[in-house]
Protein backbone atom coordinates (compact mmCIF):
# COMPACT_ATOMS: atom_id res chain seq x y z
CA UNK A 1 30.27 -142.08 112.50
CA UNK A 2 33.10 -143.03 109.87
CA UNK A 3 31.76 -145.69 106.89
CA UNK A 4 34.27 -147.64 107.61
CA UNK A 5 36.60 -148.64 110.14
CA UNK A 6 39.69 -151.06 110.65
CA UNK A 7 39.06 -153.67 113.06
CA UNK A 8 42.00 -155.89 114.97
CA UNK A 9 40.95 -159.91 114.77
CA UNK A 10 43.07 -163.02 114.67
CA UNK A 11 43.70 -162.28 111.72
CA UNK A 12 45.33 -158.83 111.87
CA UNK A 13 43.56 -155.89 111.21
CA UNK A 14 40.25 -155.86 109.06
CA UNK A 15 38.71 -152.92 107.04
CA UNK A 16 35.02 -153.22 107.45
CA UNK A 17 32.04 -151.40 106.18
CA UNK A 18 29.08 -149.63 108.46
CA UNK A 19 25.24 -151.03 107.25
CA UNK A 20 24.09 -149.25 109.65
CA UNK A 21 24.22 -148.47 113.66
CA UNK A 22 21.36 -149.78 115.98
CA UNK A 23 19.52 -148.68 119.11
CA UNK A 24 17.26 -151.11 121.86
CA UNK A 25 15.26 -149.37 123.93
CA UNK A 26 14.80 -152.06 125.91
CA UNK A 27 18.53 -153.51 126.20
CA UNK A 28 19.33 -149.37 126.01
CA UNK A 29 22.51 -150.91 123.91
CA UNK A 30 23.61 -149.65 120.95
CA UNK A 31 24.92 -151.83 118.16
CA UNK A 32 26.56 -151.56 114.72
CA UNK A 33 25.33 -153.92 111.96
CA UNK A 34 29.12 -154.22 109.47
CA UNK A 35 30.47 -155.92 107.42
CA UNK A 36 34.27 -156.90 105.88
CA UNK A 37 35.36 -155.24 103.08
CA UNK A 38 37.37 -157.93 101.77
CA UNK A 39 34.51 -160.96 102.71
CA UNK A 40 32.00 -162.57 101.65
CA UNK A 41 29.20 -159.61 100.98
CA UNK A 42 26.52 -162.14 102.79
CA UNK A 43 28.17 -161.90 105.81
CA UNK A 44 27.34 -159.26 108.27
CA UNK A 45 28.54 -159.13 111.80
CA UNK A 46 26.75 -157.54 115.32
CA UNK A 47 28.74 -155.68 117.43
CA UNK A 48 27.96 -153.62 120.83
CA UNK A 49 29.06 -150.31 121.56
CA UNK A 50 29.24 -147.51 123.92
CA UNK A 51 29.27 -144.29 121.89
CA UNK A 52 29.42 -142.28 124.93
CA UNK A 53 32.86 -143.42 125.91
CA UNK A 54 35.54 -141.49 123.87
CA UNK A 55 38.30 -143.37 125.62
CA UNK A 56 36.92 -147.00 125.43
CA UNK A 57 36.38 -147.80 121.22
CA UNK A 58 35.71 -151.63 121.99
CA UNK A 59 33.00 -153.67 120.17
CA UNK A 60 31.83 -156.26 121.98
CA UNK A 61 30.66 -159.61 120.59
CA UNK A 62 26.64 -160.15 120.82
CA UNK A 63 26.51 -164.15 122.56
CA UNK A 64 23.30 -164.41 123.32
CA UNK A 65 20.62 -165.94 121.58
CA UNK A 66 17.53 -163.98 122.88
CA UNK A 67 19.51 -160.90 122.31
CA UNK A 68 20.44 -161.54 119.08
CA UNK A 69 16.69 -162.21 118.10
CA UNK A 70 15.84 -159.20 119.40
CA UNK A 71 18.42 -157.36 117.13
CA UNK A 72 17.04 -158.95 114.10
CA UNK A 73 13.97 -157.83 114.70
CA UNK A 74 15.10 -154.19 114.74
CA UNK A 75 16.98 -154.55 111.18
CA UNK A 76 13.77 -155.97 109.63
CA UNK A 77 11.89 -152.77 111.31
CA UNK A 78 15.05 -150.71 110.10
CA UNK A 79 14.38 -152.05 106.20
CA UNK A 80 11.28 -152.02 106.33
CA UNK A 81 10.95 -148.43 107.66
């Protein structure tokens, strides 16, 4: 996985730095944790993605509060480990 990537946003193409990727056994989903290179360093973003679909490299927003709490727990576990 590359360390940076470009994401098309409503403000144009943004270069992003990958912080880490996580997998949820509970949801059977992959997540990408990243930040905008030119943005505030304290803001991080989370999106889900499907690494097995080579034709669709789309990142999906995580909008479910319960799912976000699970991701936060996974990230805390990752940081401790």
